[in-house]
Amino acid sequence: MPTGVPKTGYMTVEMAKNAARTIVADITGKPVSEPEPLGVLCLVDMGNSAVFAKAKPLLPPRQETVWKKGIIYKWGKHAFERYFLWKMKNGLTQLP
């Protein structure tokens, strides 16, 4: 059973952006641009601690993982989720 805040679908959004660019290029007859390497941002809430993971590209060797402990990181997870869902709901996908 899922608990906590909802998943954002960050990677899914990035893949959808690449797909949309490809479809537009196909319809307009323009060359398809090379997609950016797929990356991932993840902030995992674990009660009184959290893990922030960033990888771009997704596959090694360029992966970074930082372990942070403290309730502030749990709040950071909630703030990030609210921001991400807000910008998706309002069509502001160009924002970071």
C-alpha atoms as a PDB file:
ATOM      1  CA  MET A   1       0.000   0.000   0.000  1.00  0.00           C
ATOM      2  CA  PRO A   2       1.474   3.388  -1.004  1.00  0.00           C
ATOM      3  CA  THR A   3       2.161   5.878   1.747  1.00  0.00           C
ATOM      4  CA  GLY A   4       3.437   9.433   1.863  1.00  0.00           C
ATOM      5  CA  VAL A   5       3.248  11.952  -0.956  1.00  0.00           C
ATOM      6  CA  PRO A   6       2.551  10.902  -4.561  1.00  0.00           C
ATOM      7  CA  LYS A   7       5.262  10.078  -7.062  1.00  0.00           C
ATOM      8  CA  THR A   8       6.008  12.885  -9.489  1.00  0.00           C
ATOM      9  CA  GLY A   9       6.806  10.910 -12.603  1.00  0.00           C
ATOM     10  CA  TYR A  10       9.889  13.044 -13.300  1.00  0.00           C
ATOM     11  CA  MET A  11      11.428  10.525 -15.703  1.00  0.00           C
ATOM     12  CA  THR A  12       8.086   9.987 -17.456  1.00  0.00           C
ATOM     13  CA  VAL A  13       7.741  13.735 -18.033  1.00  0.00           C
ATOM     14  CA  GLU A  14      11.241  13.908 -19.510  1.00  0.00           C
ATOM     15  CA  MET A  15      10.511  10.974 -21.844  1.00  0.00           C
ATOM     16  CA  ALA A  16       7.211  12.608 -22.891  1.00  0.00           C
ATOM     17  CA  LYS A  17       9.027  15.849 -23.751  1.00  0.00           C
ATOM     18  CA  ASN A  18      11.441  13.931 -25.992  1.00  0.00           C
ATOM     19  CA  ALA A  19       8.545  12.094 -27.638  1.00  0.00           C
ATOM     20  CA  ALA A  20       6.664  15.368 -28.242  1.00  0.00           C
ATOM     21  CA  ARG A  21       9.732  16.964 -29.860  1.00  0.00           C
ATOM     22  CA  THR A  22      10.096  13.929 -32.125  1.00  0.00           C
ATOM     23  CA  ILE A  23       6.425  14.026 -33.152  1.00  0.00           C
ATOM     24  CA  VAL A  24       6.597  17.765 -33.930  1.00  0.00           C
ATOM     25  CA  ALA A  25       9.734  17.250 -36.017  1.00  0.00           C
ATOM     26  CA  ASP A  26       8.047  14.396 -37.886  1.00  0.00           C
ATOM     27  CA  ILE A  27       4.880  16.417 -38.617  1.00  0.00           C
ATOM     28  CA  THR A  28       6.764  19.533 -39.703  1.00  0.00           C
ATOM     29  CA  GLY A  29       9.309  17.582 -41.733  1.00  0.00           C
ATOM     30  CA  LYS A  30      12.228  18.987 -39.765  1.00  0.00           C
ATOM     31  CA  PRO A  31      15.143  16.803 -38.707  1.00  0.00           C
ATOM     32  CA  VAL A  32      14.782  15.118 -35.342  1.00  0.00           C
ATOM     33  CA  SER A  33      17.130  16.632 -32.786  1.00  0.00           C
ATOM     34  CA  GLU A  34      19.200  14.336 -30.626  1.00  0.00           C
ATOM     35  CA  PRO A  35      17.434  13.960 -27.250  1.00  0.00           C
ATOM     36  CA  GLU A  36      19.248  14.980 -24.113  1.00  0.00           C
ATOM     37  CA  PRO A  37      20.522  12.096 -21.992  1.00  0.00           C
ATOM     38  CA  LEU A  38      17.791  10.898 -19.634  1.00  0.00           C
ATOM     39  CA  GLY A  39      18.472  11.935 -16.079  1.00  0.00           C
ATOM     40  CA  VAL A  40      16.763  11.382 -12.760  1.00  0.00           C
ATOM     41  CA  LEU A  41      16.179  13.418  -9.604  1.00  0.00           C
ATOM     42  CA  CYS A  42      14.950  11.579  -6.561  1.00  0.00           C
ATOM     43  CA  LEU A  43      14.374  12.730  -2.994  1.00  0.00           C
ATOM     44  CA  VAL A  44      13.391   9.779  -0.835  1.00  0.00           C
ATOM     45  CA  ASP A  45      11.620  10.527   2.448  1.00  0.00           C
ATOM     46  CA  MET A  46      12.536   8.051   5.180  1.00  0.00           C
ATOM     47  CA  GLY A  47      11.036   9.503   8.325  1.00  0.00           C
ATOM     48  CA  ASN A  48      13.783  11.481  10.028  1.00  0.00           C
ATOM     49  CA  SER A  49      16.223  11.129   7.160  1.00  0.00           C
ATOM     50  CA  ALA A  50      16.236  11.397   3.412  1.00  0.00           C
ATOM     51  CA  VAL A  51      18.306  10.439   0.389  1.00  0.00           C
ATOM     52  CA  PHE A  52      18.787  12.798  -2.520  1.00  0.00           C
ATOM     53  CA  ALA A  53      19.864  11.071  -5.718  1.00  0.00           C
ATOM     54  CA  LYS A  54      20.798  12.838  -8.915  1.00  0.00           C
ATOM     55  CA  ALA A  55      22.024  11.144 -12.055  1.00  0.00           C
ATOM     56  CA  LYS A  56      22.491  12.608 -15.514  1.00  0.00           C
ATOM     57  CA  PRO A  57      22.797  10.616 -17.558  1.00  0.00           C
ATOM     58  CA  LEU A  58      20.849   7.981 -15.705  1.00  0.00           C
ATOM     59  CA  LEU A  59      23.354   5.212 -16.296  1.00  0.00           C
ATOM     60  CA  PRO A  60      26.828   5.172 -14.704  1.00  0.00           C
ATOM     61  CA  PRO A  61      29.439   6.544 -14.387  1.00  0.00           C
ATOM     62  CA  ARG A  62      27.888   9.977 -13.721  1.00  0.00           C
ATOM     63  CA  GLN A  63      25.794   9.202 -10.675  1.00  0.00           C
ATOM     64  CA  GLU A  64      25.739  11.205  -7.482  1.00  0.00           C
ATOM     65  CA  THR A  65      24.101  10.159  -4.243  1.00  0.00           C
ATOM     66  CA  VAL A  66      24.091  12.192  -1.052  1.00  0.00           C
ATOM     67  CA  TRP A  67      22.749  11.001   2.277  1.00  0.00           C
ATOM     68  CA  LYS A  68      21.202  13.717   4.408  1.00  0.00           C
ATOM     69  CA  LYS A  69      19.723  13.224   7.850  1.00  0.00           C
ATOM     70  CA  GLY A  70      17.157  15.459   9.510  1.00  0.00           C
ATOM     71  CA  ILE A  71      13.489  16.316   9.476  1.00  0.00           C
ATOM     72  CA  ILE A  72      14.134  19.271   7.154  1.00  0.00           C
ATOM     73  CA  TYR A  73      14.744  16.826   4.304  1.00  0.00           C
ATOM     74  CA  LYS A  74      11.332  15.263   4.853  1.00  0.00           C
ATOM     75  CA  TRP A  75       9.846  18.741   4.530  1.00  0.00           C
ATOM     76  CA  GLY A  76      12.003  19.262   1.449  1.00  0.00           C
ATOM     77  CA  LYS A  77      10.447  16.171  -0.112  1.00  0.00           C
ATOM     78  CA  HIS A  78       6.952  17.511   0.484  1.00  0.00           C
ATOM     79  CA  ALA A  79       7.868  20.961  -0.867  1.00  0.00           C
ATOM     80  CA  PHE A  80       9.451  19.464  -3.988  1.00  0.00           C
ATOM     81  CA  GLU A  81       6.434  17.226  -4.633  1.00  0.00           C
ATOM     82  CA  ARG A  82       4.001  20.141  -4.267  1.00  0.00           C
ATOM     83  CA  TYR A  83       6.079  22.323  -6.604  1.00  0.00           C
ATOM     84  CA  PHE A  84       6.462  19.592  -9.231  1.00  0.00           C
ATOM     85  CA  LEU A  85       2.765  18.689  -9.234  1.00  0.00           C
ATOM     86  CA  TRP A  86       1.793  22.396  -9.319  1.00  0.00           C
ATOM     87  CA  LYS A  87       3.931  23.122 -12.361  1.00  0.00           C
ATOM     88  CA  MET A  88       2.588  20.031 -14.171  1.00  0.00           C
ATOM     89  CA  LYS A  89      -1.022  20.957 -13.362  1.00  0.00           C
ATOM     90  CA  ASN A  90      -0.466  24.494 -14.662  1.00  0.00           C
ATOM     91  CA  GLY A  91       1.380  23.482 -17.834  1.00  0.00           C
ATOM     92  CA  LEU A  92       4.644  25.083 -16.713  1.00  0.00           C
ATOM     93  CA  THR A  93       6.867  22.181 -17.716  1.00  0.00           C
ATOM     94  CA  GLN A  94       9.619  24.523 -18.903  1.00  0.00           C
ATOM     95  CA  LEU A  95      10.366  25.482 -15.281  1.00  0.00           C
ATOM     96  CA  PRO A  96      13.208  23.625 -13.578  1.00  0.00           C
END
